[in-house]
Each structure stands twice: as structure tokens, then as C-alpha cells.
Amino acid sequence: MSLLADLAATPGVIAAGEYSYRGDRFTYKGHLDDETARMASIMCRATTMGVHMETAMMNKLHDCCGVAPARGWAVKGPQFTVCVVANVFCFLDNRGASLNQVLGMMQERLAGVSDELI
């Protein structure tokens, strides 16, 4: 199975998707409609770009800051969590998902993916 299918089949995962760094394409699996998935991919791409900029700035201040280059990010709200590794996003329901399990799967399967924003 593909990573997106594996993530979407994980308990508590609402949806998983992949976006292009150029912002012109996305795919997803799970319980989102097309327009919500499109907006999610735009939000994840924009946030990823911001995270890369911020970690590059931190790295300029201190060469061994430990966060550059950025490999991903996560934000947890009261009902759900969004996590991104490389250009893959995952939306989790906090009541039934394991963030550690999902991030572990993403980090393992995306370990060889370039961190360059193309």
C-alpha cells in the first residue's frame, strides 16, 4: 500500500495527503471533501515554507541550533492535530489517534526524501 493509504487506514486518522512544493498539485485519502483537502494542502504548504524560513533564521543565529534543516512540523488543537513530514500531511482525531505512531510511520517512510523545497 502507499503511505497515504497506510496513514488513512490508521486508527484515528481523518485524512492524509501529499502536496507539491510549487502548490499546483495535491492528492489525499480519507474523510475530507475535495475543497477541504485543497485548502488543507495550501495551508500545509504555506506553514512548511514558514517553518523552513524560521529554522534557517535560527540556524544563522546559532550553527548548531538542532532544528535545521526542518523535516516537518505538528500543531495540536483541542479536537484534532495536523502533522507534516516532507510534503505529506496527516489530520488526526485526538480522541483515537496516536501522534507517536503516525509521526513514526511518516518519518520512517519519508526518511530518504529530500528536504529541499522545490
PDB file of N, CA and C in Angstrom:
ATOM      1  N   MET A   1       0.832  -1.192   0.000  1.00  0.00           N
ATOM      2  CA  MET A   1       0.000   0.000   0.000  1.00  0.00           C
ATOM      3  C   MET A   1       0.874   1.252   0.000  1.00  0.00           C
ATOM      4  N   SER A   2       0.294   2.347  -0.433  1.00  0.00           N
ATOM      5  CA  SER A   2       1.021   3.614  -0.426  1.00  0.00           C
ATOM      6  C   SER A   2       1.022   4.193   0.990  1.00  0.00           C
ATOM      7  N   LEU A   3       1.907   5.127   1.225  1.00  0.00           N
ATOM      8  CA  LEU A   3       1.962   5.770   2.526  1.00  0.00           C
ATOM      9  C   LEU A   3       0.636   6.447   2.848  1.00  0.00           C
ATOM     10  N   LEU A   4       0.045   7.147   1.876  1.00  0.00           N
ATOM     11  CA  LEU A   4      -1.227   7.819   2.131  1.00  0.00           C
ATOM     12  C   LEU A   4      -2.313   6.822   2.508  1.00  0.00           C
ATOM     13  N   ALA A   5      -2.378   5.699   1.819  1.00  0.00           N
ATOM     14  CA  ALA A   5      -3.372   4.672   2.146  1.00  0.00           C
ATOM     15  C   ALA A   5      -3.111   4.085   3.530  1.00  0.00           C
ATOM     16  N   ASP A   6      -1.835   3.834   3.848  1.00  0.00           N
ATOM     17  CA  ASP A   6      -1.494   3.303   5.173  1.00  0.00           C
ATOM     18  C   ASP A   6      -1.855   4.289   6.271  1.00  0.00           C
ATOM     19  N   LEU A   7      -1.554   5.560   6.069  1.00  0.00           N
ATOM     20  CA  LEU A   7      -1.903   6.571   7.060  1.00  0.00           C
ATOM     21  C   LEU A   7      -3.420   6.680   7.210  1.00  0.00           C
ATOM     22  N   ALA A   8      -4.138   6.733   6.095  1.00  0.00           N
ATOM     23  CA  ALA A   8      -5.595   6.868   6.136  1.00  0.00           C
ATOM     24  C   ALA A   8      -6.257   5.684   6.829  1.00  0.00           C
ATOM     25  N   ALA A   9      -5.617   4.520   6.781  1.00  0.00           N
ATOM     26  CA  ALA A   9      -6.164   3.321   7.419  1.00  0.00           C
ATOM     27  C   ALA A   9      -5.785   3.211   8.895  1.00  0.00           C
ATOM     28  N   THR A  10      -4.954   4.105   9.386  1.00  0.00           N
ATOM     29  CA  THR A  10      -4.521   4.087  10.777  1.00  0.00           C
ATOM     30  C   THR A  10      -5.645   4.608  11.667  1.00  0.00           C
ATOM     31  N   PRO A  11      -5.912   3.929  12.794  1.00  0.00           N
ATOM     32  CA  PRO A  11      -6.992   4.379  13.677  1.00  0.00           C
ATOM     33  C   PRO A  11      -6.812   5.834  14.111  1.00  0.00           C
ATOM     34  N   GLY A  12      -7.905   6.602  14.007  1.00  0.00           N
ATOM     35  CA  GLY A  12      -7.896   7.991  14.425  1.00  0.00           C
ATOM     36  C   GLY A  12      -7.466   8.979  13.367  1.00  0.00           C
ATOM     37  N   VAL A  13      -6.983   8.500  12.231  1.00  0.00           N
ATOM     38  CA  VAL A  13      -6.568   9.417  11.163  1.00  0.00           C
ATOM     39  C   VAL A  13      -7.806   9.840  10.371  1.00  0.00           C
ATOM     40  N   ILE A  14      -7.978  11.141  10.240  1.00  0.00           N
ATOM     41  CA  ILE A  14      -9.089  11.693   9.473  1.00  0.00           C
ATOM     42  C   ILE A  14      -8.761  11.641   7.987  1.00  0.00           C
ATOM     43  N   ALA A  15      -7.563  12.084   7.628  1.00  0.00           N
ATOM     44  CA  ALA A  15      -7.134  12.091   6.229  1.00  0.00           C
ATOM     45  C   ALA A  15      -5.629  12.287   6.161  1.00  0.00           C
ATOM     46  N   ALA A  16      -5.060  11.856   5.053  1.00  0.00           N
ATOM     47  CA  ALA A  16      -3.638  12.051   4.776  1.00  0.00           C
ATOM     48  C   ALA A  16      -3.517  12.495   3.331  1.00  0.00           C
ATOM     49  N   GLY A  17      -2.543  13.358   3.079  1.00  0.00           N
ATOM     50  CA  GLY A  17      -2.377  13.861   1.723  1.00  0.00           C
ATOM     51  C   GLY A  17      -0.944  14.233   1.429  1.00  0.00           C
ATOM     52  N   GLU A  18      -0.721  14.542   0.178  1.00  0.00           N
ATOM     53  CA  GLU A  18       0.594  14.958  -0.299  1.00  0.00           C
ATOM     54  C   GLU A  18       0.391  16.162  -1.204  1.00  0.00           C
ATOM     55  N   TYR A  19       1.281  17.151  -1.076  1.00  0.00           N
ATOM     56  CA  TYR A  19       1.170  18.353  -1.890  1.00  0.00           C
ATOM     57  C   TYR A  19       2.507  18.607  -2.567  1.00  0.00           C
ATOM     58  N   SER A  20       2.455  19.311  -3.688  1.00  0.00           N
ATOM     59  CA  SER A  20       3.691  19.704  -4.352  1.00  0.00           C
ATOM     60  C   SER A  20       4.184  20.989  -3.723  1.00  0.00           C
ATOM     61  N   TYR A  21       5.495  21.158  -3.666  1.00  0.00           N
ATOM     62  CA  TYR A  21       6.052  22.382  -3.098  1.00  0.00           C
ATOM     63  C   TYR A  21       5.716  23.595  -3.949  1.00  0.00           C
ATOM     64  N   ARG A  22       5.442  23.397  -5.244  1.00  0.00           N
ATOM     65  CA  ARG A  22       5.039  24.511  -6.105  1.00  0.00           C
ATOM     66  C   ARG A  22       3.608  24.937  -5.815  1.00  0.00           C
ATOM     67  N   GLY A  23       2.837  24.055  -5.191  1.00  0.00           N
ATOM     68  CA  GLY A  23       1.476  24.387  -4.825  1.00  0.00           C
ATOM     69  C   GLY A  23       0.440  24.116  -5.894  1.00  0.00           C
ATOM     70  N   ASP A  24       0.814  23.443  -6.971  1.00  0.00           N
ATOM     71  CA  ASP A  24      -0.128  23.242  -8.067  1.00  0.00           C
ATOM     72  C   ASP A  24      -0.789  21.866  -8.090  1.00  0.00           C
ATOM     73  N   ARG A  25      -0.396  20.968  -7.181  1.00  0.00           N
ATOM     74  CA  ARG A  25      -0.973  19.616  -7.167  1.00  0.00           C
ATOM     75  C   ARG A  25      -1.104  19.117  -5.736  1.00  0.00           C
ATOM     76  N   PHE A  26      -2.088  18.235  -5.521  1.00  0.00           N
ATOM     77  CA  PHE A  26      -2.221  17.545  -4.253  1.00  0.00           C
ATOM     78  C   PHE A  26      -3.010  16.265  -4.474  1.00  0.00           C
ATOM     79  N   THR A  27      -2.813  15.309  -3.607  1.00  0.00           N
ATOM     80  CA  THR A  27      -3.608  14.089  -3.568  1.00  0.00           C
ATOM     81  C   THR A  27      -3.920  13.819  -2.105  1.00  0.00           C
ATOM     82  N   TYR A  28      -4.965  13.045  -1.868  1.00  0.00           N
ATOM     83  CA  TYR A  28      -5.307  12.719  -0.483  1.00  0.00           C
ATOM     84  C   TYR A  28      -6.158  11.456  -0.424  1.00  0.00           C
ATOM     85  N   LYS A  29      -6.196  10.887   0.752  1.00  0.00           N
ATOM     86  CA  LYS A  29      -7.077   9.762   1.057  1.00  0.00           C
ATOM     87  C   LYS A  29      -7.691  10.048   2.411  1.00  0.00           C
ATOM     88  N   GLY A  30      -8.937   9.696   2.574  1.00  0.00           N
ATOM     89  CA  GLY A  30      -9.563   9.864   3.868  1.00  0.00           C
ATOM     90  C   GLY A  30     -10.870  10.623   3.802  1.00  0.00           C
ATOM     91  N   HIS A  31     -11.250  11.183   4.937  1.00  0.00           N
ATOM     92  CA  HIS A  31     -12.569  11.762   5.125  1.00  0.00           C
ATOM     93  C   HIS A  31     -12.559  13.290   5.016  1.00  0.00           C
ATOM     94  N   LEU A  32     -12.158  13.782   3.869  1.00  0.00           N
ATOM     95  CA  LEU A  32     -12.252  15.206   3.542  1.00  0.00           C
ATOM     96  C   LEU A  32     -12.905  15.316   2.176  1.00  0.00           C
ATOM     97  N   ASP A  33     -13.620  16.402   1.952  1.00  0.00           N
ATOM     98  CA  ASP A  33     -14.097  16.628   0.593  1.00  0.00           C
ATOM     99  C   ASP A  33     -12.973  17.282  -0.204  1.00  0.00           C
ATOM    100  N   ASP A  34     -13.127  17.336  -1.498  1.00  0.00           N
ATOM    101  CA  ASP A  34     -12.059  17.843  -2.368  1.00  0.00           C
ATOM    102  C   ASP A  34     -11.635  19.271  -2.021  1.00  0.00           C
ATOM    103  N   GLU A  35     -12.607  20.150  -1.753  1.00  0.00           N
ATOM    104  CA  GLU A  35     -12.277  21.543  -1.464  1.00  0.00           C
ATOM    105  C   GLU A  35     -11.549  21.672  -0.129  1.00  0.00           C
ATOM    106  N   THR A  36     -11.972  20.936   0.886  1.00  0.00           N
ATOM    107  CA  THR A  36     -11.287  20.975   2.185  1.00  0.00           C
ATOM    108  C   THR A  36      -9.874  20.428   2.053  1.00  0.00           C
ATOM    109  N   ALA A  37      -9.703  19.362   1.275  1.00  0.00           N
ATOM    110  CA  ALA A  37      -8.365  18.796   1.054  1.00  0.00           C
ATOM    111  C   ALA A  37      -7.478  19.783   0.304  1.00  0.00           C
ATOM    112  N   ARG A  38      -8.049  20.501  -0.657  1.00  0.00           N
ATOM    113  CA  ARG A  38      -7.284  21.508  -1.392  1.00  0.00           C
ATOM    114  C   ARG A  38      -6.819  22.617  -0.444  1.00  0.00           C
ATOM    115  N   MET A  39      -7.729  23.106   0.396  1.00  0.00           N
ATOM    116  CA  MET A  39      -7.366  24.147   1.358  1.00  0.00           C
ATOM    117  C   MET A  39      -6.351  23.632   2.373  1.00  0.00           C
ATOM    118  N   ALA A  40      -6.498  22.381   2.792  1.00  0.00           N
ATOM    119  CA  ALA A  40      -5.540  21.783   3.735  1.00  0.00           C
ATOM    120  C   ALA A  40      -4.150  21.715   3.118  1.00  0.00           C
ATOM    121  N   SER A  41      -4.081  21.344   1.848  1.00  0.00           N
ATOM    122  CA  SER A  41      -2.770  21.249   1.197  1.00  0.00           C
ATOM    123  C   SER A  41      -2.131  22.627   1.073  1.00  0.00           C
ATOM    124  N   ILE A  42      -2.917  23.656   0.795  1.00  0.00           N
ATOM    125  CA  ILE A  42      -2.395  25.024   0.709  1.00  0.00           C
ATOM    126  C   ILE A  42      -1.887  25.471   2.077  1.00  0.00           C
ATOM    127  N   MET A  43      -2.660  25.230   3.132  1.00  0.00           N
ATOM    128  CA  MET A  43      -2.266  25.612   4.483  1.00  0.00           C
ATOM    129  C   MET A  43      -0.986  24.885   4.897  1.00  0.00           C
ATOM    130  N   CYS A  44      -0.904  23.588   4.609  1.00  0.00           N
ATOM    131  CA  CYS A  44       0.281  22.824   4.990  1.00  0.00           C
ATOM    132  C   CYS A  44       1.509  23.289   4.219  1.00  0.00           C
ATOM    133  N   ARG A  45       1.354  23.588   2.941  1.00  0.00           N
ATOM    134  CA  ARG A  45       2.476  24.090   2.147  1.00  0.00           C
ATOM    135  C   ARG A  45       2.952  25.433   2.686  1.00  0.00           C
ATOM    136  N   ALA A  46       2.023  26.350   2.954  1.00  0.00           N
ATOM    137  CA  ALA A  46       2.395  27.672   3.453  1.00  0.00           C
ATOM    138  C   ALA A  46       3.081  27.573   4.814  1.00  0.00           C
ATOM    139  N   THR A  47       2.569  26.738   5.685  1.00  0.00           N
ATOM    140  CA  THR A  47       3.178  26.570   7.004  1.00  0.00           C
ATOM    141  C   THR A  47       4.558  25.949   6.878  1.00  0.00           C
ATOM    142  N   THR A  48       4.711  24.980   6.002  1.00  0.00           N
ATOM    143  CA  THR A  48       6.022  24.358   5.781  1.00  0.00           C
ATOM    144  C   THR A  48       7.037  25.384   5.302  1.00  0.00           C
ATOM    145  N   MET A  49       6.630  26.247   4.392  1.00  0.00           N
ATOM    146  CA  MET A  49       7.531  27.291   3.903  1.00  0.00           C
ATOM    147  C   MET A  49       7.952  28.203   5.061  1.00  0.00           C
ATOM    148  N   GLY A  50       7.003  28.578   5.919  1.00  0.00           N
ATOM    149  CA  GLY A  50       7.315  29.413   7.070  1.00  0.00           C
ATOM    150  C   GLY A  50       8.246  28.725   8.054  1.00  0.00           C
ATOM    151  N   VAL A  51       8.011  27.450   8.310  1.00  0.00           N
ATOM    152  CA  VAL A  51       8.867  26.686   9.226  1.00  0.00           C
ATOM    153  C   VAL A  51      10.292  26.617   8.674  1.00  0.00           C
ATOM    154  N   HIS A  52      10.430  26.374   7.386  1.00  0.00           N
ATOM    155  CA  HIS A  52      11.769  26.333   6.781  1.00  0.00           C
ATOM    156  C   HIS A  52      12.474  27.686   6.909  1.00  0.00           C
ATOM    157  N   MET A  53      11.742  28.782   6.693  1.00  0.00           N
ATOM    158  CA  MET A  53      12.337  30.105   6.828  1.00  0.00           C
ATOM    159  C   MET A  53      12.778  30.347   8.274  1.00  0.00           C
ATOM    160  N   GLU A  54      11.924  30.016   9.232  1.00  0.00           N
ATOM    161  CA  GLU A  54      12.251  30.253  10.639  1.00  0.00           C
ATOM    162  C   GLU A  54      13.436  29.413  11.105  1.00  0.00           C
ATOM    163  N   THR A  55      13.504  28.155  10.689  1.00  0.00           N
ATOM    164  CA  THR A  55      14.636  27.329  11.115  1.00  0.00           C
ATOM    165  C   THR A  55      15.929  27.783  10.441  1.00  0.00           C
ATOM    166  N   ALA A  56      15.837  28.281   9.213  1.00  0.00           N
ATOM    167  CA  ALA A  56      17.035  28.822   8.557  1.00  0.00           C
ATOM    168  C   ALA A  56      17.534  30.053   9.305  1.00  0.00           C
ATOM    169  N   MET A  57      16.615  30.889   9.776  1.00  0.00           N
ATOM    170  CA  MET A  57      16.995  32.070  10.555  1.00  0.00           C
ATOM    171  C   MET A  57      17.633  31.655  11.878  1.00  0.00           C
ATOM    172  N   MET A  58      17.057  30.671  12.545  1.00  0.00           N
ATOM    173  CA  MET A  58      17.633  30.193  13.805  1.00  0.00           C
ATOM    174  C   MET A  58      19.022  29.627  13.580  1.00  0.00           C
ATOM    175  N   ASN A  59      19.199  28.922  12.471  1.00  0.00           N
ATOM    176  CA  ASN A  59      20.496  28.329  12.158  1.00  0.00           C
ATOM    177  C   ASN A  59      21.546  29.410  11.906  1.00  0.00           C
ATOM    178  N   LYS A  60      21.142  30.548  11.329  1.00  0.00           N
ATOM    179  CA  LYS A  60      22.079  31.666  11.114  1.00  0.00           C
ATOM    180  C   LYS A  60      22.545  32.259  12.442  1.00  0.00           C
ATOM    181  N   LEU A  61      21.643  32.273  13.432  1.00  0.00           N
ATOM    182  CA  LEU A  61      21.993  32.804  14.744  1.00  0.00           C
ATOM    183  C   LEU A  61      22.918  31.871  15.518  1.00  0.00           C
ATOM    184  N   HIS A  62      22.706  30.591  15.333  1.00  0.00           N
ATOM    185  CA  HIS A  62      23.499  29.597  16.058  1.00  0.00           C
ATOM    186  C   HIS A  62      23.615  28.353  15.184  1.00  0.00           C
ATOM    187  N   ASP A  63      24.823  28.040  14.717  1.00  0.00           N
ATOM    188  CA  ASP A  63      25.036  26.956  13.752  1.00  0.00           C
ATOM    189  C   ASP A  63      24.535  25.597  14.206  1.00  0.00           C
ATOM    190  N   CYS A  64      24.513  25.357  15.480  1.00  0.00           N
ATOM    191  CA  CYS A  64      24.113  24.045  15.992  1.00  0.00           C
ATOM    192  C   CYS A  64      22.789  24.129  16.739  1.00  0.00           C
ATOM    193  N   CYS A  65      21.820  24.818  16.152  1.00  0.00           N
ATOM    194  CA  CYS A  65      20.550  25.027  16.848  1.00  0.00           C
ATOM    195  C   CYS A  65      19.750  23.735  16.992  1.00  0.00           C
ATOM    196  N   GLY A  66      20.005  22.748  16.147  1.00  0.00           N
ATOM    197  CA  GLY A  66      19.346  21.451  16.268  1.00  0.00           C
ATOM    198  C   GLY A  66      18.009  21.318  15.568  1.00  0.00           C
ATOM    199  N   VAL A  67      17.540  22.371  14.917  1.00  0.00           N
ATOM    200  CA  VAL A  67      16.254  22.273  14.225  1.00  0.00           C
ATOM    201  C   VAL A  67      16.374  22.451  12.708  1.00  0.00           C
ATOM    202  N   ALA A  68      17.552  22.737  12.234  1.00  0.00           N
ATOM    203  CA  ALA A  68      17.733  22.950  10.790  1.00  0.00           C
ATOM    204  C   ALA A  68      18.561  21.822  10.203  1.00  0.00           C
ATOM    205  N   PRO A  69      18.208  21.314   9.068  1.00  0.00           N
ATOM    206  CA  PRO A  69      17.044  21.703   8.280  1.00  0.00           C
ATOM    207  C   PRO A  69      15.769  21.073   8.852  1.00  0.00           C
ATOM    208  N   ALA A  70      14.669  21.782   8.725  1.00  0.00           N
ATOM    209  CA  ALA A  70      13.385  21.294   9.220  1.00  0.00           C
ATOM    210  C   ALA A  70      12.943  20.085   8.408  1.00  0.00           C
ATOM    211  N   ARG A  71      12.419  19.073   9.081  1.00  0.00           N
ATOM    212  CA  ARG A  71      11.888  17.880   8.408  1.00  0.00           C
ATOM    213  C   ARG A  71      10.376  17.826   8.481  1.00  0.00           C
ATOM    214  N   GLY A  72       9.791  18.661   9.346  1.00  0.00           N
ATOM    215  CA  GLY A  72       8.339  18.643   9.469  1.00  0.00           C
ATOM    216  C   GLY A  72       7.883  19.501  10.632  1.00  0.00           C
ATOM    217  N   TRP A  73       6.592  19.423  10.907  1.00  0.00           N
ATOM    218  CA  TRP A  73       6.002  20.201  11.984  1.00  0.00           C
ATOM    219  C   TRP A  73       4.689  19.557  12.395  1.00  0.00           C
ATOM    220  N   ALA A  74       4.189  19.948  13.563  1.00  0.00           N
ATOM    221  CA  ALA A  74       2.894  19.473  14.051  1.00  0.00           C
ATOM    222  C   ALA A  74       2.260  20.562  14.899  1.00  0.00           C
ATOM    223  N   VAL A  75       0.943  20.623  14.861  1.00  0.00           N
ATOM    224  CA  VAL A  75       0.195  21.528  15.729  1.00  0.00           C
ATOM    225  C   VAL A  75      -1.011  20.757  16.258  1.00  0.00           C
ATOM    226  N   LYS A  76      -1.208  20.864  17.578  1.00  0.00           N
ATOM    227  CA  LYS A  76      -2.294  20.134  18.218  1.00  0.00           C
ATOM    228  C   LYS A  76      -3.319  21.113  18.755  1.00  0.00           C
ATOM    229  N   GLY A  77      -4.554  20.921  18.344  1.00  0.00           N
ATOM    230  CA  GLY A  77      -5.671  21.711  18.860  1.00  0.00           C
ATOM    231  C   GLY A  77      -6.501  20.855  19.796  1.00  0.00           C
ATOM    232  N   PRO A  78      -7.607  21.381  20.286  1.00  0.00           N
ATOM    233  CA  PRO A  78      -8.415  20.635  21.241  1.00  0.00           C
ATOM    234  C   PRO A  78      -9.084  19.392  20.653  1.00  0.00           C
ATOM    235  N   GLN A  79      -9.371  19.382  19.353  1.00  0.00           N
ATOM    236  CA  GLN A  79     -10.065  18.246  18.753  1.00  0.00           C
ATOM    237  C   GLN A  79      -9.215  17.433  17.788  1.00  0.00           C
ATOM    238  N   PHE A  80      -8.335  18.113  17.048  1.00  0.00           N
ATOM    239  CA  PHE A  80      -7.508  17.366  16.112  1.00  0.00           C
ATOM    240  C   PHE A  80      -6.118  17.948  15.999  1.00  0.00           C
ATOM    241  N   THR A  81      -5.234  17.158  15.402  1.00  0.00           N
ATOM    242  CA  THR A  81      -3.832  17.512  15.232  1.00  0.00           C
ATOM    243  C   THR A  81      -3.492  17.439  13.750  1.00  0.00           C
ATOM    244  N   VAL A  82      -2.653  18.359  13.306  1.00  0.00           N
ATOM    245  CA  VAL A  82      -2.119  18.328  11.943  1.00  0.00           C
ATOM    246  C   VAL A  82      -0.627  18.084  12.057  1.00  0.00           C
ATOM    247  N   CYS A  83      -0.110  17.125  11.297  1.00  0.00           N
ATOM    248  CA  CYS A  83       1.334  16.919  11.269  1.00  0.00           C
ATOM    249  C   CYS A  83       1.786  16.772   9.821  1.00  0.00           C
ATOM    250  N   VAL A  84       3.000  17.248   9.581  1.00  0.00           N
ATOM    251  CA  VAL A  84       3.580  17.237   8.237  1.00  0.00           C
ATOM    252  C   VAL A  84       5.016  16.767   8.335  1.00  0.00           C
ATOM    253  N   VAL A  85       5.401  15.851   7.469  1.00  0.00           N
ATOM    254  CA  VAL A  85       6.797  15.451   7.283  1.00  0.00           C
ATOM    255  C   VAL A  85       7.041  15.527   5.780  1.00  0.00           C
ATOM    256  N   ALA A  86       8.119  16.215   5.411  1.00  0.00           N
ATOM    257  CA  ALA A  86       8.416  16.483   3.996  1.00  0.00           C
ATOM    258  C   ALA A  86       7.202  17.189   3.398  1.00  0.00           C
ATOM    259  N   ASN A  87       6.561  16.614   2.392  1.00  0.00           N
ATOM    260  CA  ASN A  87       5.382  17.245   1.794  1.00  0.00           C
ATOM    261  C   ASN A  87       4.132  16.371   1.956  1.00  0.00           C
ATOM    262  N   VAL A  88       4.098  15.591   3.028  1.00  0.00           N
ATOM    263  CA  VAL A  88       2.960  14.733   3.344  1.00  0.00           C
ATOM    264  C   VAL A  88       2.296  15.261   4.610  1.00  0.00           C
ATOM    265  N   PHE A  89       0.972  15.437   4.567  1.00  0.00           N
ATOM    266  CA  PHE A  89       0.245  15.907   5.733  1.00  0.00           C
ATOM    267  C   PHE A  89      -0.714  14.840   6.245  1.00  0.00           C
ATOM    268  N   CYS A  90      -1.037  14.941   7.526  1.00  0.00           N
ATOM    269  CA  CYS A  90      -1.947  13.995   8.143  1.00  0.00           C
ATOM    270  C   CYS A  90      -2.784  14.740   9.176  1.00  0.00           C
ATOM    271  N   PHE A  91      -4.089  14.538   9.144  1.00  0.00           N
ATOM    272  CA  PHE A  91      -5.003  15.117  10.113  1.00  0.00           C
ATOM    273  C   PHE A  91      -5.475  13.999  11.034  1.00  0.00           C
ATOM    274  N   LEU A  92      -5.329  14.214  12.351  1.00  0.00           N
ATOM    275  CA  LEU A  92      -5.648  13.194  13.338  1.00  0.00           C
ATOM    276  C   LEU A  92      -6.762  13.649  14.263  1.00  0.00           C
ATOM    277  N   ASP A  93      -7.639  12.738  14.620  1.00  0.00           N
ATOM    278  CA  ASP A  93      -8.632  12.971  15.661  1.00  0.00           C
ATOM    279  C   ASP A  93      -7.944  12.654  16.985  1.00  0.00           C
ATOM    280  N   ASN A  94      -7.854  13.628  17.886  1.00  0.00           N
ATOM    281  CA  ASN A  94      -7.114  13.449  19.137  1.00  0.00           C
ATOM    282  C   ASN A  94      -7.695  12.355  20.030  1.00  0.00           C
ATOM    283  N   ARG A  95      -8.966  12.014  19.863  1.00  0.00           N
ATOM    284  CA  ARG A  95      -9.582  11.003  20.725  1.00  0.00           C
ATOM    285  C   ARG A  95      -9.160   9.578  20.383  1.00  0.00           C
ATOM    286  N   GLY A  96      -8.706   9.348  19.147  1.00  0.00           N
ATOM    287  CA  GLY A  96      -8.444   7.967  18.776  1.00  0.00           C
ATOM    288  C   GLY A  96      -7.137   7.718  18.055  1.00  0.00           C
ATOM    289  N   ALA A  97      -6.308   8.726  17.904  1.00  0.00           N
ATOM    290  CA  ALA A  97      -5.072   8.565  17.131  1.00  0.00           C
ATOM    291  C   ALA A  97      -3.857   8.652  18.041  1.00  0.00           C
ATOM    292  N   SER A  98      -2.802   7.988  17.603  1.00  0.00           N
ATOM    293  CA  SER A  98      -1.515   8.080  18.294  1.00  0.00           C
ATOM    294  C   SER A  98      -0.573   8.928  17.441  1.00  0.00           C
ATOM    295  N   LEU A  99      -0.273  10.134  17.924  1.00  0.00           N
ATOM    296  CA  LEU A  99       0.644  11.003  17.194  1.00  0.00           C
ATOM    297  C   LEU A  99       2.000  10.335  17.047  1.00  0.00           C
ATOM    298  N   ASN A 100       2.466   9.657  18.077  1.00  0.00           N
ATOM    299  CA  ASN A 100       3.758   8.961  18.000  1.00  0.00           C
ATOM    300  C   ASN A 100       3.758   7.905  16.907  1.00  0.00           C
ATOM    301  N   GLN A 101       2.684   7.138  16.797  1.00  0.00           N
ATOM    302  CA  GLN A 101       2.600   6.105  15.768  1.00  0.00           C
ATOM    303  C   GLN A 101       2.606   6.719  14.374  1.00  0.00           C
ATOM    304  N   VAL A 102       1.798   7.761  14.186  1.00  0.00           N
ATOM    305  CA  VAL A 102       1.685   8.387  12.867  1.00  0.00           C
ATOM    306  C   VAL A 102       2.996   9.061  12.473  1.00  0.00           C
ATOM    307  N   LEU A 103       3.577   9.868  13.366  1.00  0.00           N
ATOM    308  CA  LEU A 103       4.850  10.519  13.042  1.00  0.00           C
ATOM    309  C   LEU A 103       5.958   9.497  12.831  1.00  0.00           C
ATOM    310  N   GLY A 104       5.950   8.437  13.605  1.00  0.00           N
ATOM    311  CA  GLY A 104       6.946   7.383  13.411  1.00  0.00           C
ATOM    312  C   GLY A 104       6.858   6.767  12.023  1.00  0.00           C
ATOM    313  N   MET A 105       5.637   6.465  11.594  1.00  0.00           N
ATOM    314  CA  MET A 105       5.436   5.899  10.252  1.00  0.00           C
ATOM    315  C   MET A 105       5.881   6.886   9.188  1.00  0.00           C
ATOM    316  N   MET A 106       5.509   8.160   9.352  1.00  0.00           N
ATOM    317  CA  MET A 106       5.881   9.169   8.358  1.00  0.00           C
ATOM    318  C   MET A 106       7.392   9.346   8.298  1.00  0.00           C
ATOM    319  N   GLN A 107       8.044   9.443   9.463  1.00  0.00           N
ATOM    320  CA  GLN A 107       9.493   9.633   9.482  1.00  0.00           C
ATOM    321  C   GLN A 107      10.221   8.443   8.860  1.00  0.00           C
ATOM    322  N   GLU A 108       9.753   7.244   9.148  1.00  0.00           N
ATOM    323  CA  GLU A 108      10.392   6.048   8.596  1.00  0.00           C
ATOM    324  C   GLU A 108      10.236   5.981   7.081  1.00  0.00           C
ATOM    325  N   ARG A 109       9.023   6.194   6.605  1.00  0.00           N
ATOM    326  CA  ARG A 109       8.749   6.035   5.175  1.00  0.00           C
ATOM    327  C   ARG A 109       9.259   7.208   4.341  1.00  0.00           C
ATOM    328  N   LEU A 110       9.470   8.370   4.966  1.00  0.00           N
ATOM    329  CA  LEU A 110       9.925   9.552   4.234  1.00  0.00           C
ATOM    330  C   LEU A 110      11.377   9.892   4.543  1.00  0.00           C
ATOM    331  N   ALA A 111      12.094   8.981   5.159  1.00  0.00           N
ATOM    332  CA  ALA A 111      13.474   9.245   5.595  1.00  0.00           C
ATOM    333  C   ALA A 111      14.384   9.637   4.432  1.00  0.00           C
ATOM    334  N   GLY A 112      14.191   9.075   3.274  1.00  0.00           N
ATOM    335  CA  GLY A 112      15.067   9.350   2.140  1.00  0.00           C
ATOM    336  C   GLY A 112      14.642  10.505   1.260  1.00  0.00           C
ATOM    337  N   VAL A 113      13.533  11.151   1.611  1.00  0.00           N
ATOM    338  CA  VAL A 113      13.012  12.248   0.788  1.00  0.00           C
ATOM    339  C   VAL A 113      13.850  13.508   1.029  1.00  0.00           C
ATOM    340  N   SER A 114      14.174  14.215  -0.021  1.00  0.00           N
ATOM    341  CA  SER A 114      14.947  15.442   0.077  1.00  0.00           C
ATOM    342  C   SER A 114      14.187  16.487   0.881  1.00  0.00           C
ATOM    343  N   ASP A 115      14.922  17.284   1.641  1.00  0.00           N
ATOM    344  CA  ASP A 115      14.301  18.368   2.394  1.00  0.00           C
ATOM    345  C   ASP A 115      14.347  19.689   1.634  1.00  0.00           C
ATOM    346  N   GLU A 116      14.786  19.648   0.396  1.00  0.00           N
ATOM    347  CA  GLU A 116      14.827  20.854  -0.440  1.00  0.00           C
ATOM    348  C   GLU A 116      13.417  21.228  -0.887  1.00  0.00           C
ATOM    349  N   LEU A 117      13.070  22.476  -0.760  1.00  0.00           N
ATOM    350  CA  LEU A 117      11.778  22.954  -1.232  1.00  0.00           C
ATOM    351  C   LEU A 117      11.895  23.272  -2.716  1.00  0.00           C
ATOM    352  N   ILE A 118      11.255  22.460  -3.509  1.00  0.00           N
ATOM    353  CA  ILE A 118      11.350  22.589  -4.972  1.00  0.00           C
ATOM    354  C   ILE A 118      10.061  23.194  -5.497  1.00  0.00           C
TER     355      ILE A 118
END
